[in-house]
N, C-alpha and C. Protein backbone atom coordinates (compact mmCIF):
# COMPACT_ATOMS: atom_id res chain seq x y z
N MET A 1 43.19 121.94 18.76
CA MET A 1 44.11 121.26 19.65
C MET A 1 43.50 121.27 21.05
N GLY A 2 43.44 120.12 21.69
CA GLY A 2 42.85 120.02 23.01
C GLY A 2 43.78 120.53 24.09
N ARG A 3 43.26 120.57 25.29
CA ARG A 3 44.05 121.03 26.43
C ARG A 3 45.11 120.00 26.78
N THR A 4 46.30 120.47 27.11
CA THR A 4 47.38 119.59 27.56
C THR A 4 47.76 120.00 28.97
N PRO A 5 48.45 119.13 29.69
CA PRO A 5 48.87 119.48 31.05
C PRO A 5 49.67 120.78 31.06
N ALA A 6 49.55 121.51 32.15
CA ALA A 6 50.20 122.82 32.28
C ALA A 6 51.69 122.74 31.96
N GLY A 7 52.13 123.62 31.07
CA GLY A 7 53.55 123.71 30.74
C GLY A 7 54.03 122.76 29.66
N GLN A 8 53.26 121.73 29.36
CA GLN A 8 53.71 120.74 28.39
C GLN A 8 53.83 121.33 26.98
N THR A 9 52.84 122.06 26.54
CA THR A 9 52.89 122.67 25.22
C THR A 9 53.99 123.72 25.17
N ARG A 10 54.11 124.51 26.21
CA ARG A 10 55.15 125.54 26.24
C ARG A 10 56.53 124.92 26.12
N GLU A 11 56.75 123.80 26.77
CA GLU A 11 58.04 123.10 26.67
C GLU A 11 58.27 122.63 25.24
N LYS A 12 57.23 122.13 24.60
CA LYS A 12 57.36 121.69 23.21
C LYS A 12 57.66 122.88 22.29
N VAL A 13 57.02 124.01 22.56
CA VAL A 13 57.29 125.22 21.78
C VAL A 13 58.75 125.63 21.96
N PHE A 14 59.23 125.59 23.20
CA PHE A 14 60.63 125.94 23.45
C PHE A 14 61.57 125.02 22.67
N ARG A 15 61.32 123.72 22.72
CA ARG A 15 62.19 122.77 22.01
C ARG A 15 62.15 123.01 20.50
N PHE A 16 60.96 123.33 19.99
CA PHE A 16 60.82 123.62 18.56
C PHE A 16 61.67 124.84 18.18
N VAL A 17 61.55 125.91 18.96
CA VAL A 17 62.32 127.13 18.68
C VAL A 17 63.81 126.85 18.82
N ARG A 18 64.18 126.15 19.87
CA ARG A 18 65.60 125.82 20.09
C ARG A 18 66.17 125.04 18.92
N ASP A 19 65.43 124.06 18.43
CA ASP A 19 65.90 123.25 17.30
C ASP A 19 66.02 124.08 16.04
N ARG A 20 65.07 124.97 15.83
CA ARG A 20 65.14 125.84 14.65
C ARG A 20 66.32 126.80 14.76
N LEU A 21 66.59 127.30 15.96
CA LEU A 21 67.75 128.18 16.16
C LEU A 21 69.05 127.42 15.89
N ALA A 22 69.10 126.17 16.34
CA ALA A 22 70.28 125.35 16.10
C ALA A 22 70.50 125.14 14.61
N GLY A 23 69.41 125.10 13.85
CA GLY A 23 69.51 124.96 12.40
C GLY A 23 69.80 126.27 11.69
N GLY A 24 69.88 127.36 12.45
CA GLY A 24 70.23 128.64 11.87
C GLY A 24 69.07 129.45 11.32
N ARG A 25 67.84 129.01 11.58
CA ARG A 25 66.68 129.75 11.07
C ARG A 25 65.61 129.84 12.15
N PRO A 26 65.61 130.92 12.92
CA PRO A 26 64.58 131.10 13.94
C PRO A 26 63.19 131.10 13.30
N PRO A 27 62.19 130.54 13.98
CA PRO A 27 60.84 130.51 13.41
C PRO A 27 60.11 131.83 13.60
N THR A 28 59.15 132.08 12.74
CA THR A 28 58.24 133.20 12.92
C THR A 28 57.11 132.74 13.84
N VAL A 29 56.32 133.69 14.31
CA VAL A 29 55.16 133.36 15.15
C VAL A 29 54.21 132.47 14.35
N ARG A 30 54.01 132.78 13.09
CA ARG A 30 53.10 131.99 12.25
C ARG A 30 53.62 130.56 12.06
N GLU A 31 54.92 130.38 11.93
CA GLU A 31 55.47 129.03 11.81
C GLU A 31 55.25 128.22 13.09
N VAL A 32 55.37 128.86 14.24
CA VAL A 32 55.07 128.18 15.51
C VAL A 32 53.60 127.80 15.54
N MET A 33 52.74 128.72 15.13
CA MET A 33 51.30 128.47 15.10
C MET A 33 50.99 127.24 14.25
N GLU A 34 51.56 127.20 13.06
CA GLU A 34 51.29 126.08 12.14
C GLU A 34 51.88 124.77 12.65
N ALA A 35 53.07 124.82 13.25
CA ALA A 35 53.71 123.60 13.75
C ALA A 35 52.90 122.94 14.86
N PHE A 36 52.17 123.74 15.65
CA PHE A 36 51.43 123.20 16.78
C PHE A 36 49.92 123.16 16.55
N GLY A 37 49.49 123.59 15.38
CA GLY A 37 48.06 123.54 15.07
C GLY A 37 47.23 124.54 15.86
N PHE A 38 47.87 125.62 16.32
CA PHE A 38 47.10 126.67 17.00
C PHE A 38 46.19 127.34 15.99
N ARG A 39 45.04 127.77 16.43
CA ARG A 39 44.07 128.42 15.53
C ARG A 39 44.39 129.88 15.27
N SER A 40 45.22 130.46 16.12
CA SER A 40 45.51 131.89 16.02
C SER A 40 46.99 132.14 16.29
N PRO A 41 47.58 133.11 15.58
CA PRO A 41 48.96 133.47 15.88
C PRO A 41 49.11 133.99 17.31
N GLN A 42 48.02 134.53 17.86
CA GLN A 42 48.07 135.06 19.22
C GLN A 42 48.42 133.96 20.23
N THR A 43 47.92 132.76 20.01
CA THR A 43 48.24 131.65 20.92
C THR A 43 49.73 131.36 20.88
N ALA A 44 50.29 131.31 19.68
CA ALA A 44 51.73 131.08 19.55
C ALA A 44 52.50 132.22 20.21
N ARG A 45 52.07 133.44 19.97
CA ARG A 45 52.73 134.62 20.54
C ARG A 45 52.70 134.58 22.06
N GLU A 46 51.59 134.13 22.64
CA GLU A 46 51.49 134.04 24.10
C GLU A 46 52.51 133.04 24.66
N HIS A 47 52.66 131.91 24.00
CA HIS A 47 53.67 130.93 24.45
C HIS A 47 55.07 131.51 24.32
N LEU A 48 55.35 132.15 23.20
CA LEU A 48 56.68 132.73 22.98
C LEU A 48 56.97 133.85 23.98
N ASP A 49 55.98 134.71 24.20
CA ASP A 49 56.15 135.79 25.18
C ASP A 49 56.40 135.24 26.58
N ALA A 50 55.70 134.17 26.93
CA ALA A 50 55.90 133.56 28.26
C ALA A 50 57.31 132.99 28.37
N LEU A 51 57.82 132.42 27.29
CA LEU A 51 59.20 131.89 27.31
C LEU A 51 60.21 133.03 27.45
N VAL A 52 59.91 134.16 26.85
CA VAL A 52 60.77 135.34 27.01
C VAL A 52 60.70 135.83 28.46
N GLU A 53 59.50 135.91 29.02
CA GLU A 53 59.33 136.33 30.42
C GLU A 53 60.06 135.41 31.38
N ASP A 54 60.04 134.11 31.08
CA ASP A 54 60.71 133.12 31.93
C ASP A 54 62.23 133.15 31.76
N GLY A 55 62.72 133.90 30.77
CA GLY A 55 64.16 133.98 30.53
C GLY A 55 64.71 132.85 29.69
N ARG A 56 63.83 132.05 29.11
CA ARG A 56 64.29 130.91 28.31
C ARG A 56 64.58 131.32 26.87
N LEU A 57 63.99 132.44 26.43
CA LEU A 57 64.24 133.01 25.10
C LEU A 57 64.46 134.50 25.25
N LYS A 58 65.13 135.07 24.26
CA LYS A 58 65.23 136.53 24.13
C LYS A 58 64.60 136.89 22.80
N LYS A 59 64.08 138.10 22.72
CA LYS A 59 63.44 138.57 21.49
C LYS A 59 64.03 139.90 21.10
N GLU A 60 64.54 139.97 19.88
CA GLU A 60 65.02 141.23 19.34
C GLU A 60 63.81 142.00 18.84
N PRO A 61 63.59 143.21 19.34
CA PRO A 61 62.40 143.98 18.98
C PRO A 61 62.30 144.26 17.48
N LYS A 62 61.08 144.20 16.98
CA LYS A 62 60.75 144.56 15.60
C LYS A 62 61.48 143.72 14.55
N VAL A 63 61.80 142.47 14.89
CA VAL A 63 62.45 141.55 13.96
C VAL A 63 61.58 140.30 13.87
N ALA A 64 61.19 139.92 12.65
CA ALA A 64 60.28 138.78 12.47
C ALA A 64 60.86 137.49 13.03
N ARG A 65 62.12 137.26 12.81
CA ARG A 65 62.77 136.04 13.30
C ARG A 65 63.75 136.39 14.42
N GLY A 66 63.27 137.19 15.38
CA GLY A 66 64.15 137.76 16.39
C GLY A 66 64.32 136.96 17.65
N PHE A 67 63.87 135.72 17.71
CA PHE A 67 64.02 134.92 18.93
C PHE A 67 65.42 134.32 18.99
N ARG A 68 66.00 134.34 20.18
CA ARG A 68 67.34 133.81 20.42
C ARG A 68 67.36 133.09 21.76
N LEU A 69 68.35 132.23 21.94
CA LEU A 69 68.58 131.63 23.25
C LEU A 69 69.38 132.63 24.07
N PRO A 70 69.07 132.78 25.35
CA PRO A 70 69.74 133.80 26.18
C PRO A 70 71.26 133.69 26.21
N HIS A 71 71.78 132.47 26.29
CA HIS A 71 73.24 132.33 26.39
C HIS A 71 73.94 132.67 25.08
N LEU A 72 73.20 132.75 23.97
CA LEU A 72 73.80 133.16 22.70
C LEU A 72 73.66 134.65 22.48
N GLY A 73 72.90 135.31 23.33
CA GLY A 73 72.62 136.72 23.09
C GLY A 73 71.92 136.85 21.75
N PHE A 74 72.34 137.80 20.94
CA PHE A 74 71.74 137.96 19.63
C PHE A 74 72.67 137.45 18.55
N THR A 75 73.51 136.47 18.88
CA THR A 75 74.45 135.94 17.90
C THR A 75 73.92 134.72 17.19
N GLY A 76 72.70 134.31 17.48
CA GLY A 76 72.14 133.13 16.81
C GLY A 76 72.15 133.28 15.30
N VAL A 77 71.94 134.49 14.81
CA VAL A 77 71.99 134.72 13.37
C VAL A 77 73.39 134.48 12.86
N SER A 78 74.39 134.91 13.63
CA SER A 78 75.77 134.71 13.21
C SER A 78 76.11 133.23 13.09
N LEU A 79 75.60 132.43 14.04
CA LEU A 79 75.85 131.00 13.97
C LEU A 79 75.18 130.40 12.73
N GLY A 80 73.96 130.82 12.47
CA GLY A 80 73.27 130.34 11.29
C GLY A 80 73.97 130.77 10.02
N PHE A 81 74.44 132.00 10.00
CA PHE A 81 75.15 132.52 8.84
C PHE A 81 76.44 131.75 8.62
N ARG A 82 77.15 131.45 9.72
CA ARG A 82 78.38 130.67 9.61
C ARG A 82 78.10 129.30 9.01
N ASN A 83 77.05 128.64 9.47
CA ASN A 83 76.69 127.33 8.92
C ASN A 83 76.34 127.43 7.45
N TYR A 84 75.62 128.48 7.08
CA TYR A 84 75.25 128.71 5.69
C TYR A 84 76.50 128.87 4.82
N ILE A 85 77.44 129.68 5.26
CA ILE A 85 78.68 129.91 4.51
C ILE A 85 79.48 128.61 4.38
N GLN A 86 79.54 127.83 5.45
CA GLN A 86 80.27 126.56 5.40
C GLN A 86 79.66 125.63 4.37
N ARG A 87 78.32 125.55 4.33
CA ARG A 87 77.66 124.69 3.34
C ARG A 87 77.96 125.17 1.92
N LYS A 88 77.85 126.48 1.70
CA LYS A 88 78.11 127.03 0.38
C LYS A 88 79.56 126.80 -0.03
N PHE A 89 80.48 126.95 0.91
CA PHE A 89 81.89 126.75 0.63
C PHE A 89 82.16 125.30 0.21
N ARG A 90 81.54 124.35 0.90
CA ARG A 90 81.70 122.93 0.53
C ARG A 90 81.18 122.67 -0.88
N ILE A 91 80.05 123.29 -1.21
CA ILE A 91 79.48 123.11 -2.55
C ILE A 91 80.44 123.66 -3.61
N ILE A 92 81.00 124.83 -3.36
CA ILE A 92 81.95 125.43 -4.31
C ILE A 92 83.18 124.56 -4.46
N LEU A 93 83.69 124.02 -3.35
CA LEU A 93 84.85 123.14 -3.43
C LEU A 93 84.56 121.90 -4.26
N ILE A 94 83.41 121.31 -4.06
CA ILE A 94 83.02 120.12 -4.83
C ILE A 94 82.92 120.47 -6.31
N GLN A 95 82.33 121.60 -6.63
CA GLN A 95 82.20 122.02 -8.02
C GLN A 95 83.57 122.25 -8.65
N LEU A 96 84.49 122.85 -7.92
CA LEU A 96 85.84 123.08 -8.42
C LEU A 96 86.57 121.76 -8.65
N GLN A 97 86.41 120.84 -7.72
CA GLN A 97 87.04 119.52 -7.87
C GLN A 97 86.51 118.80 -9.10
N MET A 98 85.22 118.91 -9.34
CA MET A 98 84.61 118.26 -10.52
C MET A 98 85.15 118.89 -11.80
N GLN A 99 85.38 120.19 -11.83
CA GLN A 99 85.90 120.86 -13.01
C GLN A 99 87.34 120.47 -13.29
N LEU A 100 88.10 120.19 -12.23
CA LEU A 100 89.51 119.83 -12.39
C LEU A 100 89.68 118.40 -12.87
N HIS A 101 88.70 117.58 -12.71
CA HIS A 101 88.84 116.16 -13.09
C HIS A 101 88.17 115.88 -14.37
């Protein structure tokens, strides 16, 4: 991957993480590396660490998928879990309706 203007890649990394958090599944460092074509996980880690230093992300220590948005605190998992339960509940309801008909 060639050089990009200062901050441009970091902004893209932030948006990628934010979108993954919104989907309920925070990315790993390796997933960030692969998404951006970085040659080393260290490059992805440097971008993520800089976002944490800037206050744009929070990181739960010793957790592979521990990145969160600051305003959510560490509840991003709870939001993802809630979405997961809602999807599963809809599937169960549909299956029950099919059995009744």
